[in-house]
Amino acid sequence: MPFELTLEEGKILVSTARKAVETYLKTQKKIEPPQNVPDKFKEKCGVFVTINRVMEDNHRELRGCIGYPYPTEPLISAVIDSAISSATKDPRFYPLSPEELDQVVFEVSVLTPPELVEAEKPSTYPSKIKVGRDGLIVERGFFKGLLLPQVPVEWNWDEEEFLCQCCIKAGLPPDCWLLKGTKIYRFQAIIFEEVSPKGEVVRKKLGGN
């Protein structure tokens, strides 16, 4: 990571994400970044905010996920923008309603800058990545798809399936990672999540870390 984050700092990021969405849904206004935050929050950093609906059996169902893959904005500002976009602009879902805020949990993933995976031949890509550690970006021409490190863990994918699913996310055939000219990037993430709606925030542990 470009820097480490404590649990207390993670709690600030998650609470900021929730407050940003609550305020925007009620007033249509974007909150200002909180004052007196750690200097590292002002550094440019990639980040994604994921919103999950908590079902009766405590199963999590995706409700929105949008973010900044690259370090183009200060971390705290990127969290606010990503949270609002995740709640209102994810094209896969209808916008979150204020009534749903008591039924969803927020998750903030702070990313390392993506790095190009070097491989002598595409068939060796699975050995260059690790489920539970890496997130992936697949890029081919104008097509690009990203999956966070927690996704293959949640779906119990191996490295090869992870690559295939990232190609599908990019709108490409699943075996497109085997074609010359397809670029594969990997990144890592520090992830903080609410255990329950408006509840305790913990640092998420992934298998393989």
N, C-alpha and C. Protein backbone atom coordinates (compact mmCIF):
# COMPACT_ATOMS: atom_id res chain seq x y z
N MET A 1 0.84 -1.20 0.00
CA MET A 1 0.00 0.00 0.00
C MET A 1 0.88 1.24 0.00
N PRO A 2 0.37 2.34 -0.61
CA PRO A 2 1.11 3.60 -0.54
C PRO A 2 1.22 4.09 0.90
N PHE A 3 0.26 3.68 1.73
CA PHE A 3 0.31 3.99 3.16
C PHE A 3 -0.58 3.00 3.88
N GLU A 4 -0.39 2.89 5.19
CA GLU A 4 -1.21 1.99 6.00
C GLU A 4 -2.36 2.78 6.59
N LEU A 5 -3.42 2.08 6.94
CA LEU A 5 -4.58 2.71 7.55
C LEU A 5 -4.95 1.95 8.81
N THR A 6 -5.23 2.69 9.88
CA THR A 6 -5.66 2.07 11.13
C THR A 6 -7.16 1.80 11.09
N LEU A 7 -7.63 1.01 12.03
CA LEU A 7 -9.07 0.74 12.10
C LEU A 7 -9.83 2.03 12.36
N GLU A 8 -9.29 2.90 13.22
CA GLU A 8 -9.97 4.16 13.51
C GLU A 8 -10.10 5.01 12.25
N GLU A 9 -9.05 5.01 11.42
CA GLU A 9 -9.11 5.76 10.17
C GLU A 9 -10.13 5.12 9.22
N GLY A 10 -10.18 3.79 9.24
CA GLY A 10 -11.18 3.11 8.42
C GLY A 10 -12.59 3.45 8.84
N LYS A 11 -12.81 3.58 10.14
CA LYS A 11 -14.14 3.95 10.64
C LYS A 11 -14.54 5.33 10.13
N ILE A 12 -13.58 6.25 10.07
CA ILE A 12 -13.87 7.59 9.56
C ILE A 12 -14.30 7.52 8.09
N LEU A 13 -13.59 6.71 7.31
CA LEU A 13 -13.91 6.60 5.88
C LEU A 13 -15.30 6.01 5.68
N VAL A 14 -15.62 4.95 6.42
CA VAL A 14 -16.93 4.31 6.26
C VAL A 14 -18.05 5.23 6.73
N SER A 15 -17.86 5.89 7.86
CA SER A 15 -18.90 6.80 8.36
C SER A 15 -19.09 7.98 7.43
N THR A 16 -17.99 8.43 6.81
CA THR A 16 -18.08 9.52 5.84
C THR A 16 -18.88 9.08 4.62
N ALA A 17 -18.66 7.84 4.17
CA ALA A 17 -19.39 7.31 3.03
C ALA A 17 -20.89 7.27 3.33
N ARG A 18 -21.25 6.76 4.51
CA ARG A 18 -22.67 6.68 4.87
C ARG A 18 -23.27 8.08 5.01
N LYS A 19 -22.56 8.98 5.68
CA LYS A 19 -23.08 10.34 5.85
C LYS A 19 -23.28 11.03 4.50
N ALA A 20 -22.34 10.80 3.58
CA ALA A 20 -22.44 11.43 2.25
C ALA A 20 -23.72 10.99 1.55
N VAL A 21 -24.02 9.68 1.64
CA VAL A 21 -25.21 9.16 0.98
C VAL A 21 -26.48 9.63 1.69
N GLU A 22 -26.49 9.57 3.02
CA GLU A 22 -27.67 10.03 3.77
C GLU A 22 -28.00 11.47 3.44
N THR A 23 -26.98 12.32 3.44
CA THR A 23 -27.20 13.74 3.17
C THR A 23 -27.67 13.97 1.74
N TYR A 24 -27.03 13.27 0.79
CA TYR A 24 -27.39 13.48 -0.61
C TYR A 24 -28.82 13.01 -0.89
N LEU A 25 -29.23 11.88 -0.32
CA LEU A 25 -30.57 11.37 -0.57
C LEU A 25 -31.64 12.29 0.02
N LYS A 26 -31.29 12.98 1.10
CA LYS A 26 -32.28 13.85 1.76
C LYS A 26 -32.28 15.27 1.21
N THR A 27 -31.10 15.75 0.76
CA THR A 27 -31.00 17.16 0.36
C THR A 27 -30.52 17.38 -1.07
N GLN A 28 -30.05 16.30 -1.72
CA GLN A 28 -29.46 16.41 -3.06
C GLN A 28 -28.17 17.25 -3.06
N LYS A 29 -27.55 17.36 -1.89
CA LYS A 29 -26.31 18.12 -1.78
C LYS A 29 -25.16 17.22 -1.34
N LYS A 30 -23.98 17.52 -1.87
CA LYS A 30 -22.79 16.76 -1.51
C LYS A 30 -22.13 17.38 -0.29
N ILE A 31 -21.80 16.55 0.70
CA ILE A 31 -21.16 17.07 1.91
C ILE A 31 -19.74 17.53 1.62
N GLU A 32 -19.23 18.41 2.44
CA GLU A 32 -17.84 18.81 2.38
C GLU A 32 -17.01 17.77 3.13
N PRO A 33 -15.76 17.55 2.73
CA PRO A 33 -14.91 16.62 3.47
C PRO A 33 -14.79 17.04 4.93
N PRO A 34 -14.82 16.10 5.87
CA PRO A 34 -14.70 16.46 7.29
C PRO A 34 -13.38 17.15 7.57
N GLN A 35 -13.39 18.03 8.57
CA GLN A 35 -12.19 18.76 8.95
C GLN A 35 -11.31 17.90 9.87
N ASN A 36 -10.07 18.31 10.00
CA ASN A 36 -9.12 17.66 10.92
C ASN A 36 -8.96 16.17 10.67
N VAL A 37 -8.94 15.79 9.38
CA VAL A 37 -8.69 14.39 9.04
C VAL A 37 -7.19 14.17 8.90
N PRO A 38 -6.72 12.91 9.00
CA PRO A 38 -5.29 12.64 8.82
C PRO A 38 -4.80 13.13 7.46
N ASP A 39 -3.54 13.54 7.42
CA ASP A 39 -2.97 14.05 6.17
C ASP A 39 -3.06 13.02 5.04
N LYS A 40 -2.96 11.74 5.39
CA LYS A 40 -3.02 10.70 4.35
C LYS A 40 -4.35 10.70 3.61
N PHE A 41 -5.41 11.21 4.25
CA PHE A 41 -6.71 11.29 3.59
C PHE A 41 -6.71 12.33 2.47
N LYS A 42 -5.70 13.20 2.49
CA LYS A 42 -5.61 14.24 1.46
C LYS A 42 -4.74 13.81 0.29
N GLU A 43 -4.11 12.63 0.42
CA GLU A 43 -3.30 12.09 -0.67
C GLU A 43 -4.21 11.46 -1.72
N LYS A 44 -3.79 11.57 -2.97
CA LYS A 44 -4.58 10.97 -4.05
C LYS A 44 -4.48 9.45 -3.96
N CYS A 45 -5.65 8.80 -4.08
CA CYS A 45 -5.68 7.35 -3.88
C CYS A 45 -6.91 6.77 -4.56
N GLY A 46 -6.77 5.60 -5.15
CA GLY A 46 -7.92 4.90 -5.71
C GLY A 46 -8.79 4.34 -4.59
N VAL A 47 -10.09 4.34 -4.81
CA VAL A 47 -11.00 3.84 -3.78
C VAL A 47 -12.32 3.41 -4.41
N PHE A 48 -12.95 2.38 -3.84
CA PHE A 48 -14.30 1.97 -4.25
C PHE A 48 -15.18 1.92 -3.02
N VAL A 49 -16.42 2.34 -3.20
CA VAL A 49 -17.42 2.20 -2.14
C VAL A 49 -18.47 1.19 -2.61
N THR A 50 -18.66 0.15 -1.81
CA THR A 50 -19.64 -0.90 -2.11
C THR A 50 -20.78 -0.79 -1.10
N ILE A 51 -22.00 -0.87 -1.60
CA ILE A 51 -23.19 -0.89 -0.75
C ILE A 51 -23.86 -2.24 -0.90
N ASN A 52 -24.05 -2.94 0.21
CA ASN A 52 -24.68 -4.26 0.19
C ASN A 52 -25.96 -4.24 1.01
N ARG A 53 -27.00 -4.86 0.49
CA ARG A 53 -28.23 -5.04 1.26
C ARG A 53 -28.06 -6.27 2.15
N VAL A 54 -28.44 -6.15 3.42
CA VAL A 54 -28.37 -7.27 4.35
C VAL A 54 -29.71 -8.01 4.32
N MET A 55 -29.66 -9.28 3.92
CA MET A 55 -30.87 -10.08 3.82
C MET A 55 -31.19 -10.73 5.17
N GLU A 56 -32.32 -11.43 5.24
CA GLU A 56 -32.78 -12.01 6.51
C GLU A 56 -31.80 -13.02 7.09
N ASP A 57 -31.14 -13.79 6.22
CA ASP A 57 -30.18 -14.79 6.70
C ASP A 57 -28.78 -14.21 6.86
N ASN A 58 -28.69 -12.87 6.87
CA ASN A 58 -27.43 -12.12 6.97
C ASN A 58 -26.59 -12.23 5.70
N HIS A 59 -27.18 -12.80 4.65
CA HIS A 59 -26.51 -12.83 3.35
C HIS A 59 -26.44 -11.41 2.79
N ARG A 60 -25.37 -11.10 2.09
CA ARG A 60 -25.20 -9.76 1.52
C ARG A 60 -25.53 -9.79 0.03
N GLU A 61 -26.31 -8.82 -0.40
CA GLU A 61 -26.68 -8.71 -1.81
C GLU A 61 -26.24 -7.36 -2.33
N LEU A 62 -25.45 -7.36 -3.40
CA LEU A 62 -24.90 -6.11 -3.93
C LEU A 62 -26.00 -5.13 -4.28
N ARG A 63 -25.80 -3.89 -3.86
CA ARG A 63 -26.78 -2.82 -4.11
C ARG A 63 -26.17 -1.66 -4.89
N GLY A 64 -24.83 -1.64 -4.96
CA GLY A 64 -24.14 -0.60 -5.71
C GLY A 64 -22.66 -0.65 -5.45
N CYS A 65 -21.86 -0.36 -6.47
CA CYS A 65 -20.40 -0.34 -6.29
C CYS A 65 -19.77 0.48 -7.40
N ILE A 66 -19.20 1.62 -7.01
CA ILE A 66 -18.54 2.52 -7.96
C ILE A 66 -17.33 3.14 -7.25
N GLY A 67 -16.31 3.48 -8.04
CA GLY A 67 -15.15 4.10 -7.42
C GLY A 67 -14.14 4.62 -8.43
N TYR A 68 -12.97 4.91 -7.90
CA TYR A 68 -11.86 5.44 -8.68
C TYR A 68 -10.76 4.38 -8.73
N PRO A 69 -10.52 3.74 -9.89
CA PRO A 69 -9.47 2.73 -9.97
C PRO A 69 -8.06 3.30 -9.79
N TYR A 70 -7.89 4.56 -10.18
CA TYR A 70 -6.57 5.17 -10.17
C TYR A 70 -6.51 6.34 -9.17
N PRO A 71 -5.33 6.66 -8.66
CA PRO A 71 -5.18 7.74 -7.68
C PRO A 71 -5.25 9.12 -8.32
N THR A 72 -6.47 9.55 -8.62
CA THR A 72 -6.66 10.84 -9.30
C THR A 72 -7.26 11.91 -8.39
N GLU A 73 -7.81 11.50 -7.23
CA GLU A 73 -8.46 12.44 -6.32
C GLU A 73 -7.99 12.18 -4.89
N PRO A 74 -8.03 13.21 -4.02
CA PRO A 74 -7.72 12.97 -2.61
C PRO A 74 -8.64 11.88 -2.05
N LEU A 75 -8.11 11.03 -1.20
CA LEU A 75 -8.85 9.88 -0.70
C LEU A 75 -10.21 10.25 -0.12
N ILE A 76 -10.26 11.24 0.76
CA ILE A 76 -11.51 11.56 1.43
C ILE A 76 -12.55 12.09 0.44
N SER A 77 -12.12 12.87 -0.55
CA SER A 77 -13.04 13.37 -1.58
C SER A 77 -13.52 12.24 -2.47
N ALA A 78 -12.61 11.31 -2.80
CA ALA A 78 -12.97 10.17 -3.63
C ALA A 78 -13.99 9.28 -2.94
N VAL A 79 -13.88 9.14 -1.60
CA VAL A 79 -14.85 8.34 -0.84
C VAL A 79 -16.23 8.96 -0.93
N ILE A 80 -16.31 10.28 -0.77
CA ILE A 80 -17.60 10.98 -0.83
C ILE A 80 -18.23 10.82 -2.21
N ASP A 81 -17.45 11.08 -3.25
CA ASP A 81 -17.97 10.98 -4.62
C ASP A 81 -18.39 9.54 -4.94
N SER A 82 -17.55 8.58 -4.54
CA SER A 82 -17.83 7.17 -4.86
C SER A 82 -19.08 6.68 -4.13
N ALA A 83 -19.24 7.11 -2.89
CA ALA A 83 -20.40 6.69 -2.10
C ALA A 83 -21.69 7.18 -2.75
N ILE A 84 -21.72 8.45 -3.12
CA ILE A 84 -22.92 9.01 -3.74
C ILE A 84 -23.20 8.34 -5.08
N SER A 85 -22.15 8.12 -5.86
CA SER A 85 -22.33 7.47 -7.16
C SER A 85 -22.79 6.02 -7.01
N SER A 86 -22.23 5.34 -6.02
CA SER A 86 -22.61 3.95 -5.77
C SER A 86 -24.09 3.85 -5.42
N ALA A 87 -24.58 4.84 -4.67
CA ALA A 87 -25.98 4.83 -4.23
C ALA A 87 -26.95 5.30 -5.31
N THR A 88 -26.48 6.11 -6.24
CA THR A 88 -27.42 6.75 -7.17
C THR A 88 -27.12 6.56 -8.65
N LYS A 89 -25.91 6.11 -9.00
CA LYS A 89 -25.54 6.10 -10.42
C LYS A 89 -25.05 4.75 -10.94
N ASP A 90 -25.08 3.71 -10.11
CA ASP A 90 -24.68 2.40 -10.61
C ASP A 90 -25.74 1.95 -11.62
N PRO A 91 -25.37 1.77 -12.89
CA PRO A 91 -26.38 1.46 -13.92
C PRO A 91 -27.06 0.10 -13.74
N ARG A 92 -26.51 -0.74 -12.87
CA ARG A 92 -27.10 -2.06 -12.65
C ARG A 92 -28.30 -2.02 -11.70
N PHE A 93 -28.47 -0.90 -10.98
CA PHE A 93 -29.50 -0.83 -9.95
C PHE A 93 -30.27 0.49 -10.02
N TYR A 94 -31.46 0.48 -9.49
CA TYR A 94 -32.19 1.73 -9.35
C TYR A 94 -31.60 2.49 -8.15
N PRO A 95 -31.72 3.82 -8.11
CA PRO A 95 -31.10 4.59 -7.03
C PRO A 95 -31.59 4.15 -5.65
N LEU A 96 -30.69 4.21 -4.71
CA LEU A 96 -31.03 3.87 -3.32
C LEU A 96 -32.06 4.87 -2.79
N SER A 97 -33.00 4.40 -1.99
CA SER A 97 -33.98 5.28 -1.37
C SER A 97 -33.59 5.54 0.08
N PRO A 98 -34.02 6.66 0.66
CA PRO A 98 -33.70 6.94 2.07
C PRO A 98 -34.16 5.82 3.01
N GLU A 99 -35.27 5.17 2.65
CA GLU A 99 -35.82 4.10 3.50
C GLU A 99 -34.90 2.89 3.55
N GLU A 100 -34.05 2.73 2.54
CA GLU A 100 -33.16 1.57 2.48
C GLU A 100 -31.91 1.72 3.34
N LEU A 101 -31.65 2.92 3.84
CA LEU A 101 -30.40 3.15 4.57
C LEU A 101 -30.27 2.27 5.81
N ASP A 102 -31.39 1.87 6.40
CA ASP A 102 -31.35 1.01 7.57
C ASP A 102 -31.24 -0.47 7.20
N GLN A 103 -31.15 -0.75 5.91
CA GLN A 103 -31.09 -2.14 5.44
C GLN A 103 -29.79 -2.47 4.71
N VAL A 104 -28.89 -1.48 4.61
CA VAL A 104 -27.66 -1.69 3.85
C VAL A 104 -26.43 -1.43 4.71
N VAL A 105 -25.32 -2.05 4.29
CA VAL A 105 -24.03 -1.81 4.93
C VAL A 105 -23.07 -1.21 3.89
N PHE A 106 -22.16 -0.38 4.39
CA PHE A 106 -21.18 0.28 3.53
C PHE A 106 -19.81 -0.37 3.68
N GLU A 107 -19.12 -0.46 2.56
CA GLU A 107 -17.78 -1.05 2.52
C GLU A 107 -16.88 -0.13 1.71
N VAL A 108 -15.72 0.22 2.26
CA VAL A 108 -14.77 1.10 1.58
C VAL A 108 -13.48 0.32 1.31
N SER A 109 -13.09 0.27 0.04
CA SER A 109 -11.85 -0.41 -0.37
C SER A 109 -10.86 0.63 -0.86
N VAL A 110 -9.74 0.76 -0.16
CA VAL A 110 -8.69 1.72 -0.54
C VAL A 110 -7.64 0.97 -1.34
N LEU A 111 -7.37 1.42 -2.57
CA LEU A 111 -6.58 0.64 -3.52
C LEU A 111 -5.14 1.11 -3.65
N THR A 112 -4.27 0.15 -3.97
CA THR A 112 -2.93 0.49 -4.44
C THR A 112 -3.04 0.85 -5.92
N PRO A 113 -2.10 1.61 -6.46
CA PRO A 113 -2.13 1.90 -7.89
C PRO A 113 -2.03 0.60 -8.70
N PRO A 114 -2.86 0.41 -9.72
CA PRO A 114 -2.77 -0.80 -10.54
C PRO A 114 -1.41 -0.93 -11.21
N GLU A 115 -0.91 -2.17 -11.27
CA GLU A 115 0.36 -2.44 -11.94
C GLU A 115 0.15 -3.48 -13.03
N LEU A 116 0.79 -3.27 -14.18
CA LEU A 116 0.67 -4.20 -15.29
C LEU A 116 1.30 -5.54 -14.93
N VAL A 117 0.58 -6.63 -15.17
CA VAL A 117 1.12 -7.97 -14.91
C VAL A 117 1.92 -8.40 -16.13
N GLU A 118 3.19 -8.66 -15.92
CA GLU A 118 4.06 -9.09 -17.00
C GLU A 118 4.04 -10.61 -17.09
N ALA A 119 3.85 -11.14 -18.30
CA ALA A 119 3.85 -12.58 -18.51
C ALA A 119 4.45 -12.89 -19.88
N GLU A 120 5.33 -13.89 -19.94
CA GLU A 120 5.94 -14.26 -21.22
C GLU A 120 4.89 -14.76 -22.19
N LYS A 121 3.89 -15.48 -21.65
CA LYS A 121 2.77 -15.92 -22.47
C LYS A 121 1.50 -15.85 -21.63
N PRO A 122 0.36 -15.53 -22.26
CA PRO A 122 -0.88 -15.32 -21.50
C PRO A 122 -1.29 -16.50 -20.62
N SER A 123 -0.95 -17.71 -21.02
CA SER A 123 -1.37 -18.89 -20.25
C SER A 123 -0.79 -18.91 -18.84
N THR A 124 0.24 -18.08 -18.60
CA THR A 124 0.86 -18.06 -17.26
C THR A 124 0.23 -16.99 -16.35
N TYR A 125 -0.74 -16.24 -16.84
CA TYR A 125 -1.36 -15.20 -16.00
C TYR A 125 -1.89 -15.74 -14.66
N PRO A 126 -2.57 -16.90 -14.64
CA PRO A 126 -3.09 -17.37 -13.35
C PRO A 126 -2.01 -17.54 -12.28
N SER A 127 -0.79 -17.85 -12.69
CA SER A 127 0.29 -18.02 -11.71
C SER A 127 0.86 -16.69 -11.24
N LYS A 128 0.48 -15.61 -11.91
CA LYS A 128 1.01 -14.28 -11.58
C LYS A 128 0.09 -13.50 -10.64
N ILE A 129 -1.10 -14.04 -10.41
CA ILE A 129 -2.05 -13.36 -9.53
C ILE A 129 -2.44 -14.29 -8.39
N LYS A 130 -3.08 -13.74 -7.36
CA LYS A 130 -3.46 -14.55 -6.20
C LYS A 130 -4.82 -14.12 -5.68
N VAL A 131 -5.76 -15.07 -5.68
CA VAL A 131 -7.07 -14.81 -5.11
C VAL A 131 -6.91 -14.56 -3.61
N GLY A 132 -7.62 -13.54 -3.11
CA GLY A 132 -7.50 -13.18 -1.71
C GLY A 132 -6.48 -12.09 -1.46
N ARG A 133 -5.72 -11.75 -2.48
CA ARG A 133 -4.74 -10.67 -2.37
C ARG A 133 -4.97 -9.61 -3.45
N ASP A 134 -5.17 -10.06 -4.68
CA ASP A 134 -5.21 -9.15 -5.82
C ASP A 134 -6.62 -8.84 -6.29
N GLY A 135 -6.81 -7.61 -6.73
CA GLY A 135 -7.93 -7.24 -7.58
C GLY A 135 -7.41 -7.19 -9.00
N LEU A 136 -8.30 -7.20 -9.97
CA LEU A 136 -7.88 -7.24 -11.37
C LEU A 136 -8.56 -6.18 -12.21
N ILE A 137 -7.81 -5.72 -13.22
CA ILE A 137 -8.37 -4.92 -14.30
C ILE A 137 -7.98 -5.60 -15.60
N VAL A 138 -8.96 -5.88 -16.45
CA VAL A 138 -8.71 -6.40 -17.79
C VAL A 138 -8.99 -5.29 -18.78
N GLU A 139 -8.07 -5.09 -19.70
CA GLU A 139 -8.20 -3.99 -20.67
C GLU A 139 -7.86 -4.50 -22.06
N ARG A 140 -8.76 -4.27 -22.98
CA ARG A 140 -8.52 -4.62 -24.38
C ARG A 140 -9.22 -3.60 -25.27
N GLY A 141 -8.42 -2.79 -25.97
CA GLY A 141 -9.00 -1.73 -26.78
C GLY A 141 -9.78 -0.77 -25.90
N PHE A 142 -11.05 -0.54 -26.27
CA PHE A 142 -11.90 0.37 -25.50
C PHE A 142 -12.60 -0.34 -24.34
N PHE A 143 -12.41 -1.64 -24.24
CA PHE A 143 -13.10 -2.42 -23.20
C PHE A 143 -12.24 -2.51 -21.94
N LYS A 144 -12.89 -2.32 -20.80
CA LYS A 144 -12.16 -2.40 -19.54
C LYS A 144 -13.10 -2.89 -18.44
N GLY A 145 -12.61 -3.82 -17.62
CA GLY A 145 -13.41 -4.33 -16.52
C GLY A 145 -12.56 -4.45 -15.27
N LEU A 146 -13.16 -4.19 -14.11
CA LEU A 146 -12.46 -4.24 -12.83
C LEU A 146 -13.26 -5.09 -11.85
N LEU A 147 -12.55 -5.93 -11.10
CA LEU A 147 -13.15 -6.66 -10.00
C LEU A 147 -12.26 -6.50 -8.76
N LEU A 148 -12.87 -6.17 -7.64
CA LEU A 148 -12.15 -5.96 -6.39
C LEU A 148 -11.65 -7.29 -5.81
N PRO A 149 -10.63 -7.25 -4.94
CA PRO A 149 -10.05 -8.49 -4.40
C PRO A 149 -11.04 -9.36 -3.65
N GLN A 150 -12.08 -8.76 -3.05
CA GLN A 150 -13.03 -9.55 -2.26
C GLN A 150 -14.00 -10.37 -3.13
N VAL A 151 -14.14 -9.99 -4.41
CA VAL A 151 -15.14 -10.64 -5.26
C VAL A 151 -14.85 -12.13 -5.49
N PRO A 152 -13.64 -12.53 -5.92
CA PRO A 152 -13.41 -13.96 -6.14
C PRO A 152 -13.48 -14.78 -4.86
N VAL A 153 -13.15 -14.15 -3.72
CA VAL A 153 -13.26 -14.85 -2.44
C VAL A 153 -14.72 -15.15 -2.13
N GLU A 154 -15.59 -14.15 -2.35
CA GLU A 154 -17.01 -14.30 -2.06
C GLU A 154 -17.68 -15.34 -2.96
N TRP A 155 -17.16 -15.46 -4.20
CA TRP A 155 -17.74 -16.40 -5.16
C TRP A 155 -16.96 -17.71 -5.26
N ASN A 156 -15.90 -17.82 -4.47
CA ASN A 156 -15.10 -19.05 -4.44
C ASN A 156 -14.50 -19.39 -5.82
N TRP A 157 -14.02 -18.37 -6.51
CA TRP A 157 -13.36 -18.58 -7.80
C TRP A 157 -11.88 -18.89 -7.60
N ASP A 158 -11.29 -19.64 -8.53
CA ASP A 158 -9.83 -19.76 -8.56
C ASP A 158 -9.29 -18.66 -9.48
N GLU A 159 -7.98 -18.63 -9.67
CA GLU A 159 -7.36 -17.54 -10.43
C GLU A 159 -7.84 -17.50 -11.88
N GLU A 160 -8.00 -18.67 -12.48
CA GLU A 160 -8.42 -18.71 -13.88
C GLU A 160 -9.85 -18.21 -14.05
N GLU A 161 -10.73 -18.63 -13.15
CA GLU A 161 -12.12 -18.16 -13.20
C GLU A 161 -12.19 -16.65 -12.93
N PHE A 162 -11.33 -16.18 -12.05
CA PHE A 162 -11.26 -14.75 -11.74
C PHE A 162 -10.93 -13.96 -13.01
N LEU A 163 -9.96 -14.43 -13.78
CA LEU A 163 -9.59 -13.78 -15.03
C LEU A 163 -10.77 -13.81 -16.02
N CYS A 164 -11.43 -14.95 -16.12
CA CYS A 164 -12.57 -15.08 -17.04
C CYS A 164 -13.70 -14.12 -16.66
N GLN A 165 -14.00 -14.05 -15.37
CA GLN A 165 -15.09 -13.19 -14.91
C GLN A 165 -14.76 -11.71 -15.10
N CYS A 166 -13.49 -11.38 -14.98
CA CYS A 166 -13.09 -9.98 -15.19
C CYS A 166 -13.22 -9.61 -16.67
N CYS A 167 -12.94 -10.57 -17.56
CA CYS A 167 -13.16 -10.35 -18.99
C CYS A 167 -14.64 -10.11 -19.27
N ILE A 168 -15.51 -10.94 -18.65
CA ILE A 168 -16.95 -10.77 -18.82
C ILE A 168 -17.39 -9.40 -18.32
N LYS A 169 -16.83 -8.98 -17.18
CA LYS A 169 -17.16 -7.66 -16.62
C LYS A 169 -16.80 -6.55 -17.61
N ALA A 170 -15.75 -6.79 -18.41
CA ALA A 170 -15.31 -5.80 -19.40
C ALA A 170 -16.15 -5.85 -20.67
N GLY A 171 -17.07 -6.82 -20.75
CA GLY A 171 -17.87 -6.96 -21.96
C GLY A 171 -17.17 -7.76 -23.03
N LEU A 172 -16.20 -8.59 -22.61
CA LEU A 172 -15.39 -9.38 -23.52
C LEU A 172 -15.70 -10.87 -23.34
N PRO A 173 -15.33 -11.73 -24.31
CA PRO A 173 -15.46 -13.17 -24.11
C PRO A 173 -14.63 -13.61 -22.90
N PRO A 174 -15.06 -14.64 -22.17
CA PRO A 174 -14.37 -15.04 -20.95
C PRO A 174 -12.91 -15.46 -21.13
N ASP A 175 -12.58 -15.96 -22.32
CA ASP A 175 -11.19 -16.40 -22.53
C ASP A 175 -10.33 -15.33 -23.18
N CYS A 176 -10.81 -14.10 -23.15
CA CYS A 176 -10.09 -13.02 -23.83
C CYS A 176 -8.72 -12.74 -23.21
N TRP A 177 -8.54 -13.13 -21.94
CA TRP A 177 -7.25 -12.91 -21.29
C TRP A 177 -6.14 -13.74 -21.92
N LEU A 178 -6.51 -14.75 -22.71
CA LEU A 178 -5.52 -15.60 -23.38
C LEU A 178 -5.06 -15.01 -24.72
N LEU A 179 -5.71 -13.95 -25.17
CA LEU A 179 -5.38 -13.36 -26.47
C LEU A 179 -4.28 -12.32 -26.35
N LYS A 180 -3.39 -12.33 -27.29
CA LYS A 180 -2.33 -11.33 -27.34
C LYS A 180 -2.95 -9.94 -27.48
N GLY A 181 -2.43 -8.98 -26.73
CA GLY A 181 -2.95 -7.63 -26.80
C GLY A 181 -3.89 -7.28 -25.66
N THR A 182 -4.34 -8.29 -24.91
CA THR A 182 -5.15 -8.02 -23.72
C THR A 182 -4.22 -7.69 -22.55
N LYS A 183 -4.49 -6.60 -21.88
CA LYS A 183 -3.64 -6.18 -20.75
C LYS A 183 -4.32 -6.56 -19.43
N ILE A 184 -3.52 -7.11 -18.52
CA ILE A 184 -4.00 -7.49 -17.20
C ILE A 184 -3.26 -6.65 -16.15
N TYR A 185 -4.02 -5.98 -15.29
CA TYR A 185 -3.43 -5.21 -14.20
C TYR A 185 -3.90 -5.82 -12.88
N ARG A 186 -3.06 -5.72 -11.86
CA ARG A 186 -3.44 -6.18 -10.53
C ARG A 186 -3.24 -5.05 -9.53
N PHE A 187 -4.00 -5.12 -8.44
CA PHE A 187 -3.86 -4.14 -7.36
C PHE A 187 -4.29 -4.81 -6.07
N GLN A 188 -3.95 -4.20 -4.95
CA GLN A 188 -4.39 -4.71 -3.65
C GLN A 188 -5.29 -3.66 -2.99
N ALA A 189 -5.91 -4.04 -1.87
CA ALA A 189 -6.83 -3.11 -1.21
C ALA A 189 -6.84 -3.34 0.29
N ILE A 190 -7.02 -2.26 1.02
CA ILE A 190 -7.37 -2.32 2.44
C ILE A 190 -8.87 -2.08 2.50
N ILE A 191 -9.61 -2.98 3.14
CA ILE A 191 -11.06 -2.94 3.08
C ILE A 191 -11.65 -2.81 4.48
N PHE A 192 -12.55 -1.86 4.64
CA PHE A 192 -13.27 -1.66 5.89
C PHE A 192 -14.76 -1.78 5.61
N GLU A 193 -15.51 -2.46 6.49
CA GLU A 193 -16.93 -2.66 6.25
C GLU A 193 -17.72 -2.59 7.55
N GLU A 194 -18.98 -2.20 7.40
CA GLU A 194 -19.92 -2.24 8.53
C GLU A 194 -20.37 -3.69 8.74
N VAL A 195 -20.40 -4.14 9.98
CA VAL A 195 -20.88 -5.48 10.30
C VAL A 195 -22.39 -5.55 10.14
N SER A 196 -23.06 -4.46 10.49
CA SER A 196 -24.51 -4.34 10.36
C SER A 196 -24.83 -2.90 10.00
N PRO A 197 -26.05 -2.61 9.50
CA PRO A 197 -26.39 -1.23 9.14
C PRO A 197 -26.13 -0.26 10.29
N LYS A 198 -25.30 0.75 10.02
CA LYS A 198 -24.92 1.77 11.00
C LYS A 198 -24.21 1.14 12.21
N GLY A 199 -23.70 -0.08 12.05
CA GLY A 199 -23.09 -0.79 13.17
C GLY A 199 -21.57 -0.69 13.19
N GLU A 200 -20.96 -1.62 13.90
CA GLU A 200 -19.52 -1.64 14.08
C GLU A 200 -18.81 -1.76 12.73
N VAL A 201 -17.66 -1.09 12.61
CA VAL A 201 -16.83 -1.16 11.42
C VAL A 201 -15.62 -2.04 11.71
N VAL A 202 -15.32 -2.97 10.79
CA VAL A 202 -14.17 -3.84 10.97
C VAL A 202 -13.32 -3.81 9.71
N ARG A 203 -12.09 -4.25 9.86
CA ARG A 203 -11.22 -4.42 8.70
C ARG A 203 -11.48 -5.81 8.13
N LYS A 204 -11.80 -5.85 6.86
CA LYS A 204 -12.17 -7.11 6.23
C LYS A 204 -10.93 -7.94 5.92
N LYS A 205 -10.95 -9.19 6.30
CA LYS A 205 -9.85 -10.11 6.04
C LYS A 205 -10.23 -11.01 4.87
N LEU A 206 -9.32 -11.17 3.92
CA LEU A 206 -9.56 -12.02 2.78
C LEU A 206 -8.67 -13.26 2.86
N GLY A 207 -9.18 -14.38 2.44
CA GLY A 207 -8.36 -15.59 2.40
C GLY A 207 -7.18 -15.39 1.46
N GLY A 208 -6.01 -15.81 1.88
CA GLY A 208 -4.83 -15.67 1.05
C GLY A 208 -3.97 -14.49 1.43
N ASN A 209 -4.48 -13.59 2.27
CA ASN A 209 -3.68 -12.44 2.71
C ASN A 209 -2.60 -12.86 3.68
